[in-house]
Amino acid sequence: MKIDILTLFPQMFAPLNESLLGKAQAKQLLEIAICDFRQYATNKQHHVDDTPYGGGAGMLLQPQPIYRAMDVINAQDAGKKRVILLDPAGQKFNQALAQDLAQEQHLVFICGHYEGFDERIERLATDKVSLGDFVLTGGEMAAMVMIDALARFVPGVLGNETSAYSDSFSAGLLEYPQYTRPAEYRGMKVPEILLSGNHQKIAQWRRQQALKKTWLQRPDLLAQTALTTADLNYLDTLTSED
């Protein structure tokens, strides 16, 4: 997968060279290119922002530098691209969107700064995406979060290919509790069922624990999740106990 990032602050993306993402690039599973679109400014001062027509507070990113940067990217690779504009007004990013974006061959992230974008920049985007109902100083950190999340679905990035699909939110539920050695630590014991070797019972326990955790902490997710009759019966027992 190729990922281009348009930004005014290339140094902010140094963390993408660490941990799993760094290894994925070394294995050529991911190719991440950072473009400082200030180099495509059309004035001697290399300014990329200006005051809004009609007045108002703050500065807006001009269209010319970003359009010119996209021209170069398209000249290098004329193929189909998914272009993501980081925008507080965009659709909320979630696990399903991460999985969807991971199917693409080429992604482009446009990171804004200052007060906002010239409206014409939106025409470059196939998607407008937001991390949530809050405002960041720029799109750089949001882009890093999204890249980290979607990269988990790129084949070969994770050591265990099924890990991404069992994470919280992938199945609509929060992830069940997990334990490792030792079996007892400071009086806290691993549930006996996990030591039983009965994989059918373990699977049932994990499903019920995921349901319980979601019911307690994020009940809103249950309305969006396909639940079996057994799931509903178990949730009824929780409601009765409560």
C-alpha atoms as a PDB file:
ATOM      1  CA  MET A   1       0.000   0.000   0.000  1.00  0.00           C
ATOM      2  CA  LYS A   2       1.206   3.506  -0.866  1.00  0.00           C
ATOM      3  CA  ILE A   3       0.358   6.383   1.495  1.00  0.00           C
ATOM      4  CA  ASP A   4       1.100  10.009   0.663  1.00  0.00           C
ATOM      5  CA  ILE A   5       0.740  12.640   3.365  1.00  0.00           C
ATOM      6  CA  LEU A   6       0.449  16.347   2.529  1.00  0.00           C
ATOM      7  CA  THR A   7       1.508  18.446   5.503  1.00  0.00           C
ATOM      8  CA  LEU A   8       3.287  21.607   6.595  1.00  0.00           C
ATOM      9  CA  PHE A   9       5.085  19.742   9.378  1.00  0.00           C
ATOM     10  CA  PRO A  10       6.851  16.645   8.022  1.00  0.00           C
ATOM     11  CA  GLN A  11       8.855  16.163  11.231  1.00  0.00           C
ATOM     12  CA  MET A  12       5.675  15.313  13.128  1.00  0.00           C
ATOM     13  CA  PHE A  13       5.465  11.979  11.289  1.00  0.00           C
ATOM     14  CA  ALA A  14       8.718  10.541  12.663  1.00  0.00           C
ATOM     15  CA  PRO A  15       6.745   8.061  14.875  1.00  0.00           C
ATOM     16  CA  LEU A  16       5.527   6.298  11.717  1.00  0.00           C
ATOM     17  CA  ASN A  17       9.053   4.918  11.357  1.00  0.00           C
ATOM     18  CA  GLU A  18       8.856   3.115  14.714  1.00  0.00           C
ATOM     19  CA  SER A  19       7.305  -0.137  15.950  1.00  0.00           C
ATOM     20  CA  LEU A  20       5.055  -2.144  13.613  1.00  0.00           C
ATOM     21  CA  LEU A  21       4.690   0.635  11.055  1.00  0.00           C
ATOM     22  CA  GLY A  22       8.453   0.978  10.785  1.00  0.00           C
ATOM     23  CA  LYS A  23       8.799  -2.778  10.303  1.00  0.00           C
ATOM     24  CA  ALA A  24       6.004  -2.774   7.715  1.00  0.00           C
ATOM     25  CA  GLN A  25       7.864  -0.155   5.702  1.00  0.00           C
ATOM     26  CA  ALA A  26      11.114  -2.099   5.981  1.00  0.00           C
ATOM     27  CA  LYS A  27       9.266  -5.138   4.577  1.00  0.00           C
ATOM     28  CA  GLN A  28       7.785  -2.931   1.825  1.00  0.00           C
ATOM     29  CA  LEU A  29       4.246  -3.727   2.968  1.00  0.00           C
ATOM     30  CA  LEU A  30       3.706   0.017   3.348  1.00  0.00           C
ATOM     31  CA  GLU A  31       5.271   2.885   1.453  1.00  0.00           C
ATOM     32  CA  ILE A  32       4.754   6.180   3.267  1.00  0.00           C
ATOM     33  CA  ALA A  33       5.811   9.428   1.585  1.00  0.00           C
ATOM     34  CA  ILE A  34       5.659  12.792   3.353  1.00  0.00           C
ATOM     35  CA  CYS A  35       5.153  15.877   1.193  1.00  0.00           C
ATOM     36  CA  ASP A  36       5.705  19.365   2.609  1.00  0.00           C
ATOM     37  CA  PHE A  37       3.288  21.290   0.424  1.00  0.00           C
ATOM     38  CA  ARG A  38       4.896  24.579   1.452  1.00  0.00           C
ATOM     39  CA  GLN A  39       7.434  23.879  -1.303  1.00  0.00           C
ATOM     40  CA  TYR A  40       4.596  24.335  -3.803  1.00  0.00           C
ATOM     41  CA  ALA A  41       3.709  27.841  -2.604  1.00  0.00           C
ATOM     42  CA  THR A  42       3.336  30.364  -5.397  1.00  0.00           C
ATOM     43  CA  ASN A  43       4.935  33.369  -3.659  1.00  0.00           C
ATOM     44  CA  LYS A  44       8.516  34.242  -2.755  1.00  0.00           C
ATOM     45  CA  GLN A  45       7.785  34.134   0.971  1.00  0.00           C
ATOM     46  CA  HIS A  46       6.454  30.553   0.691  1.00  0.00           C
ATOM     47  CA  HIS A  47       3.242  31.517   2.451  1.00  0.00           C
ATOM     48  CA  VAL A  48       0.484  28.929   2.071  1.00  0.00           C
ATOM     49  CA  ASP A  49      -2.309  30.760   3.889  1.00  0.00           C
ATOM     50  CA  ASP A  50      -4.176  34.033   3.524  1.00  0.00           C
ATOM     51  CA  THR A  51      -7.031  35.990   5.075  1.00  0.00           C
ATOM     52  CA  PRO A  52     -10.571  34.914   4.162  1.00  0.00           C
ATOM     53  CA  TYR A  53     -12.574  36.896   1.630  1.00  0.00           C
ATOM     54  CA  GLY A  54     -15.396  38.741   3.358  1.00  0.00           C
ATOM     55  CA  GLY A  55     -13.444  39.078   6.595  1.00  0.00           C
ATOM     56  CA  GLY A  56     -13.285  36.871   9.637  1.00  0.00           C
ATOM     57  CA  ALA A  57     -10.821  35.553  12.188  1.00  0.00           C
ATOM     58  CA  GLY A  58      -7.847  33.363  11.356  1.00  0.00           C
ATOM     59  CA  MET A  59      -6.128  32.317   8.162  1.00  0.00           C
ATOM     60  CA  LEU A  60      -7.145  29.812   5.493  1.00  0.00           C
ATOM     61  CA  LEU A  61      -4.952  27.412   3.557  1.00  0.00           C
ATOM     62  CA  GLN A  62      -4.763  28.477  -0.078  1.00  0.00           C
ATOM     63  CA  PRO A  63      -5.715  26.017  -2.807  1.00  0.00           C
ATOM     64  CA  GLN A  64      -2.646  26.491  -5.057  1.00  0.00           C
ATOM     65  CA  PRO A  65       0.028  24.666  -2.982  1.00  0.00           C
ATOM     66  CA  ILE A  66      -2.171  21.638  -2.291  1.00  0.00           C
ATOM     67  CA  TYR A  67      -3.400  21.378  -5.879  1.00  0.00           C
ATOM     68  CA  ARG A  68       0.162  21.607  -7.171  1.00  0.00           C
ATOM     69  CA  ALA A  69       1.321  18.920  -4.713  1.00  0.00           C
ATOM     70  CA  MET A  70      -1.510  16.660  -5.884  1.00  0.00           C
ATOM     71  CA  ASP A  71      -0.505  17.294  -9.502  1.00  0.00           C
ATOM     72  CA  VAL A  72       2.959  15.899  -8.715  1.00  0.00           C
ATOM     73  CA  ILE A  73       1.530  12.862  -6.905  1.00  0.00           C
ATOM     74  CA  ASN A  74      -0.813  12.151  -9.813  1.00  0.00           C
ATOM     75  CA  ALA A  75       2.015  12.562 -12.313  1.00  0.00           C
ATOM     76  CA  GLN A  76       4.063   9.979 -10.407  1.00  0.00           C
ATOM     77  CA  ASP A  77       1.142   7.559 -10.160  1.00  0.00           C
ATOM     78  CA  ALA A  78      -1.884   8.048 -12.395  1.00  0.00           C
ATOM     79  CA  GLY A  79      -3.829   5.230 -10.753  1.00  0.00           C
ATOM     80  CA  LYS A  80      -6.905   5.451  -8.559  1.00  0.00           C
ATOM     81  CA  LYS A  81      -6.445   7.088  -5.179  1.00  0.00           C
ATOM     82  CA  ARG A  82      -8.543   7.553  -2.065  1.00  0.00           C
ATOM     83  CA  VAL A  83      -7.915  11.136  -0.917  1.00  0.00           C
ATOM     84  CA  ILE A  84      -8.763  11.833   2.727  1.00  0.00           C
ATOM     85  CA  LEU A  85      -9.207  15.403   3.877  1.00  0.00           C
ATOM     86  CA  LEU A  86      -8.810  15.669   7.654  1.00  0.00           C
ATOM     87  CA  ASP A  87     -11.768  17.846   8.591  1.00  0.00           C
ATOM     88  CA  PRO A  88     -13.807  18.234  11.828  1.00  0.00           C
ATOM     89  CA  ALA A  89     -16.927  18.280   9.621  1.00  0.00           C
ATOM     90  CA  GLY A  90     -16.133  14.898   8.096  1.00  0.00           C
ATOM     91  CA  GLN A  91     -17.550  11.479   8.900  1.00  0.00           C
ATOM     92  CA  LYS A  92     -16.369  10.016  12.179  1.00  0.00           C
ATOM     93  CA  PHE A  93     -13.465   7.620  11.908  1.00  0.00           C
ATOM     94  CA  ASN A  94     -14.085   4.115  13.257  1.00  0.00           C
ATOM     95  CA  GLN A  95     -12.869   0.538  12.926  1.00  0.00           C
ATOM     96  CA  ALA A  96     -15.128  -0.176   9.944  1.00  0.00           C
ATOM     97  CA  LEU A  97     -13.710   2.789   8.022  1.00  0.00           C
ATOM     98  CA  ALA A  98     -10.163   1.718   8.942  1.00  0.00           C
ATOM     99  CA  GLN A  99     -10.857  -1.718   7.482  1.00  0.00           C
ATOM    100  CA  ASP A 100     -12.394  -0.167   4.376  1.00  0.00           C
ATOM    101  CA  LEU A 101      -9.436   2.152   3.752  1.00  0.00           C
ATOM    102  CA  ALA A 102      -7.017  -0.746   4.212  1.00  0.00           C
ATOM    103  CA  GLN A 103      -8.400  -2.317   1.022  1.00  0.00           C
ATOM    104  CA  GLU A 104      -7.090   0.565  -1.095  1.00  0.00           C
ATOM    105  CA  GLN A 105      -3.811   0.501  -2.998  1.00  0.00           C
ATOM    106  CA  HIS A 106      -3.083   4.208  -2.667  1.00  0.00           C
ATOM    107  CA  LEU A 107      -4.207   6.666   0.010  1.00  0.00           C
ATOM    108  CA  VAL A 108      -3.523  10.384   0.237  1.00  0.00           C
ATOM    109  CA  PHE A 109      -4.025  12.314   3.498  1.00  0.00           C
ATOM    110  CA  ILE A 110      -4.346  16.109   3.363  1.00  0.00           C
ATOM    111  CA  CYS A 111      -3.543  17.669   6.736  1.00  0.00           C
ATOM    112  CA  GLY A 112      -4.951  21.081   7.378  1.00  0.00           C
ATOM    113  CA  HIS A 113      -3.694  23.787   9.702  1.00  0.00           C
ATOM    114  CA  TYR A 114      -4.609  27.308  10.739  1.00  0.00           C
ATOM    115  CA  GLU A 115      -8.316  28.221  10.729  1.00  0.00           C
ATOM    116  CA  GLY A 116      -9.313  25.915   7.889  1.00  0.00           C
ATOM    117  CA  PHE A 117      -9.240  25.242   4.147  1.00  0.00           C
ATOM    118  CA  ASP A 118     -10.215  27.228   1.130  1.00  0.00           C
ATOM    119  CA  GLU A 119     -13.457  25.477   0.133  1.00  0.00           C
ATOM    120  CA  ARG A 120     -12.059  24.542  -3.297  1.00  0.00           C
ATOM    121  CA  ILE A 121      -9.574  22.144  -1.686  1.00  0.00           C
ATOM    122  CA  GLU A 122     -12.503  19.863  -0.810  1.00  0.00           C
ATOM    123  CA  ARG A 123     -12.915  19.037  -4.505  1.00  0.00           C
ATOM    124  CA  LEU A 124      -9.685  17.040  -4.351  1.00  0.00           C
ATOM    125  CA  ALA A 125     -11.023  14.737  -1.637  1.00  0.00           C
ATOM    126  CA  THR A 126     -12.910  11.487  -2.004  1.00  0.00           C
ATOM    127  CA  ASP A 127     -13.521  11.439   1.780  1.00  0.00           C
ATOM    128  CA  LYS A 128     -13.712  13.981   4.574  1.00  0.00           C
ATOM    129  CA  VAL A 129     -12.899  12.317   7.894  1.00  0.00           C
ATOM    130  CA  SER A 130     -12.797  13.440  11.520  1.00  0.00           C
ATOM    131  CA  LEU A 131     -11.510  11.699  14.652  1.00  0.00           C
ATOM    132  CA  GLY A 132     -14.440  13.015  16.675  1.00  0.00           C
ATOM    133  CA  ASP A 133     -16.311  16.042  17.906  1.00  0.00           C
ATOM    134  CA  PHE A 134     -13.295  18.092  18.911  1.00  0.00           C
ATOM    135  CA  VAL A 135     -10.786  20.329  17.150  1.00  0.00           C
ATOM    136  CA  LEU A 136      -7.028  19.725  16.844  1.00  0.00           C
ATOM    137  CA  THR A 137      -4.397  22.303  15.936  1.00  0.00           C
ATOM    138  CA  GLY A 138      -3.846  20.430  12.675  1.00  0.00           C
ATOM    139  CA  GLY A 139      -4.578  17.218  10.843  1.00  0.00           C
ATOM    140  CA  GLU A 140      -1.186  15.587  11.437  1.00  0.00           C
ATOM    141  CA  MET A 141      -1.996  13.664  14.616  1.00  0.00           C
ATOM    142  CA  ALA A 142      -5.369  12.615  13.242  1.00  0.00           C
ATOM    143  CA  ALA A 143      -3.666  11.258  10.111  1.00  0.00           C
ATOM    144  CA  MET A 144      -1.192   9.264  12.217  1.00  0.00           C
ATOM    145  CA  VAL A 145      -3.999   7.718  14.265  1.00  0.00           C
ATOM    146  CA  MET A 146      -5.888   6.712  11.119  1.00  0.00           C
ATOM    147  CA  ILE A 147      -2.803   5.291   9.417  1.00  0.00           C
ATOM    148  CA  ASP A 148      -1.924   3.261  12.505  1.00  0.00           C
ATOM    149  CA  ALA A 149      -5.465   1.873  12.730  1.00  0.00           C
ATOM    150  CA  LEU A 150      -5.845   0.963   9.051  1.00  0.00           C
ATOM    151  CA  ALA A 151      -2.337  -0.493   8.750  1.00  0.00           C
ATOM    152  CA  ARG A 152      -3.355  -3.266  11.148  1.00  0.00           C
ATOM    153  CA  PHE A 153      -5.609  -4.623   8.386  1.00  0.00           C
ATOM    154  CA  VAL A 154      -2.880  -4.658   5.724  1.00  0.00           C
ATOM    155  CA  PRO A 155      -1.801  -8.292   5.244  1.00  0.00           C
ATOM    156  CA  GLY A 156       1.540  -9.030   6.866  1.00  0.00           C
ATOM    157  CA  VAL A 157       1.695  -5.965   9.124  1.00  0.00           C
ATOM    158  CA  LEU A 158       0.590  -7.885  12.220  1.00  0.00           C
ATOM    159  CA  GLY A 159       2.300 -11.108  13.219  1.00  0.00           C
ATOM    160  CA  ASN A 160      -1.091 -12.770  13.654  1.00  0.00           C
ATOM    161  CA  GLU A 161      -3.377 -12.045  10.704  1.00  0.00           C
ATOM    162  CA  THR A 162      -6.529 -12.566  12.796  1.00  0.00           C
ATOM    163  CA  SER A 163      -5.562 -10.093  15.539  1.00  0.00           C
ATOM    164  CA  ALA A 164      -7.040  -7.025  13.844  1.00  0.00           C
ATOM    165  CA  TYR A 165     -10.372  -8.754  13.341  1.00  0.00           C
ATOM    166  CA  SER A 166     -10.695  -9.738  17.014  1.00  0.00           C
ATOM    167  CA  ASP A 167      -9.813  -6.289  18.361  1.00  0.00           C
ATOM    168  CA  SER A 168     -12.365  -4.149  20.145  1.00  0.00           C
ATOM    169  CA  PHE A 169     -14.976  -2.698  17.734  1.00  0.00           C
ATOM    170  CA  SER A 170     -14.127  -5.096  14.873  1.00  0.00           C
ATOM    171  CA  ALA A 171     -17.014  -7.369  15.837  1.00  0.00           C
ATOM    172  CA  GLY A 172     -19.070  -4.504  17.216  1.00  0.00           C
ATOM    173  CA  LEU A 173     -18.156  -5.340  20.824  1.00  0.00           C
ATOM    174  CA  LEU A 174     -15.391  -4.387  23.218  1.00  0.00           C
ATOM    175  CA  GLU A 175     -12.696  -7.037  23.527  1.00  0.00           C
ATOM    176  CA  TYR A 176     -13.007  -9.712  26.227  1.00  0.00           C
ATOM    177  CA  PRO A 177     -10.528  -9.729  29.194  1.00  0.00           C
ATOM    178  CA  GLN A 178      -7.221 -11.471  28.504  1.00  0.00           C
ATOM    179  CA  TYR A 179      -4.559 -12.970  30.781  1.00  0.00           C
ATOM    180  CA  THR A 180      -1.062 -14.430  30.569  1.00  0.00           C
ATOM    181  CA  ARG A 181       1.400 -16.081  33.002  1.00  0.00           C
ATOM    182  CA  PRO A 182       1.536 -16.319  35.960  1.00  0.00           C
ATOM    183  CA  ALA A 183      -1.793 -17.979  36.728  1.00  0.00           C
ATOM    184  CA  GLU A 184      -1.887 -16.136  40.075  1.00  0.00           C
ATOM    185  CA  TYR A 185      -0.288 -12.833  40.966  1.00  0.00           C
ATOM    186  CA  ARG A 186      -0.717 -10.992  44.271  1.00  0.00           C
ATOM    187  CA  GLY A 187      -3.848 -12.954  45.005  1.00  0.00           C
ATOM    188  CA  MET A 188      -5.374 -12.255  41.579  1.00  0.00           C
ATOM    189  CA  LYS A 189      -6.139 -15.484  39.733  1.00  0.00           C
ATOM    190  CA  VAL A 190      -6.702 -16.179  36.052  1.00  0.00           C
ATOM    191  CA  PRO A 191     -10.294 -17.471  35.545  1.00  0.00           C
ATOM    192  CA  GLU A 192     -10.312 -21.270  35.767  1.00  0.00           C
ATOM    193  CA  ILE A 193     -12.127 -21.641  32.447  1.00  0.00           C
ATOM    194  CA  LEU A 194      -9.052 -20.295  30.607  1.00  0.00           C
ATOM    195  CA  LEU A 195      -6.905 -23.032  32.148  1.00  0.00           C
ATOM    196  CA  SER A 196      -9.370 -25.811  31.315  1.00  0.00           C
ATOM    197  CA  GLY A 197      -8.280 -26.522  27.729  1.00  0.00           C
ATOM    198  CA  ASN A 198     -11.964 -26.683  26.712  1.00  0.00           C
ATOM    199  CA  HIS A 199     -11.881 -24.413  23.660  1.00  0.00           C
ATOM    200  CA  GLN A 200     -15.638 -24.436  23.133  1.00  0.00           C
ATOM    201  CA  LYS A 201     -16.273 -23.300  26.706  1.00  0.00           C
ATOM    202  CA  ILE A 202     -13.475 -20.738  26.446  1.00  0.00           C
ATOM    203  CA  ALA A 203     -15.011 -19.288  23.276  1.00  0.00           C
ATOM    204  CA  GLN A 204     -18.399 -19.066  24.998  1.00  0.00           C
ATOM    205  CA  TRP A 205     -16.855 -17.381  28.054  1.00  0.00           C
ATOM    206  CA  ARG A 206     -15.011 -14.863  25.892  1.00  0.00           C
ATOM    207  CA  ARG A 207     -18.155 -13.992  23.964  1.00  0.00           C
ATOM    208  CA  GLN A 208     -20.110 -13.487  27.172  1.00  0.00           C
ATOM    209  CA  GLN A 209     -17.351 -11.398  28.719  1.00  0.00           C
ATOM    210  CA  ALA A 210     -17.226  -9.207  25.593  1.00  0.00           C
ATOM    211  CA  LEU A 211     -20.993  -8.760  25.824  1.00  0.00           C
ATOM    212  CA  LYS A 212     -20.789  -7.941  29.520  1.00  0.00           C
ATOM    213  CA  LYS A 213     -17.957  -5.442  29.092  1.00  0.00           C
ATOM    214  CA  THR A 214     -19.799  -3.722  26.236  1.00  0.00           C
ATOM    215  CA  TRP A 215     -23.068  -3.686  28.194  1.00  0.00           C
ATOM    216  CA  LEU A 216     -21.333  -2.050  31.161  1.00  0.00           C
ATOM    217  CA  GLN A 217     -19.037   0.387  29.353  1.00  0.00           C
ATOM    218  CA  ARG A 218     -20.443   1.043  25.864  1.00  0.00           C
ATOM    219  CA  PRO A 219     -24.087  -0.098  25.742  1.00  0.00           C
ATOM    220  CA  ASP A 220     -24.623   2.093  22.664  1.00  0.00           C
ATOM    221  CA  LEU A 221     -22.586  -0.412  20.631  1.00  0.00           C
ATOM    222  CA  LEU A 222     -25.028  -3.227  21.292  1.00  0.00           C
ATOM    223  CA  ALA A 223     -27.705  -1.550  19.176  1.00  0.00           C
ATOM    224  CA  GLN A 224     -25.344  -1.646  16.179  1.00  0.00           C
ATOM    225  CA  THR A 225     -24.179  -5.259  16.622  1.00  0.00           C
ATOM    226  CA  ALA A 226     -25.667  -8.435  15.168  1.00  0.00           C
ATOM    227  CA  LEU A 227     -26.579 -10.469  18.244  1.00  0.00           C
ATOM    228  CA  THR A 228     -27.538 -14.140  18.372  1.00  0.00           C
ATOM    229  CA  THR A 229     -30.361 -15.579  20.445  1.00  0.00           C
ATOM    230  CA  ALA A 230     -27.745 -16.862  22.896  1.00  0.00           C
ATOM    231  CA  ASP A 231     -26.285 -13.328  23.139  1.00  0.00           C
ATOM    232  CA  LEU A 232     -29.695 -11.832  23.864  1.00  0.00           C
ATOM    233  CA  ASN A 233     -30.455 -14.477  26.479  1.00  0.00           C
ATOM    234  CA  TYR A 234     -27.148 -13.745  28.224  1.00  0.00           C
ATOM    235  CA  LEU A 235     -27.836  -9.996  28.169  1.00  0.00           C
ATOM    236  CA  ASP A 236     -31.233 -10.695  29.736  1.00  0.00           C
ATOM    237  CA  THR A 237     -29.475 -12.424  32.646  1.00  0.00           C
ATOM    238  CA  LEU A 238     -27.279  -9.346  33.128  1.00  0.00           C
ATOM    239  CA  THR A 239     -30.325  -7.086  33.131  1.00  0.00           C
ATOM    240  CA  SER A 240     -32.020  -9.339  35.687  1.00  0.00           C
ATOM    241  CA  GLU A 241     -28.954  -9.317  37.927  1.00  0.00           C
ATOM    242  CA  ASP A 242     -28.715  -5.545  37.679  1.00  0.00           C
END
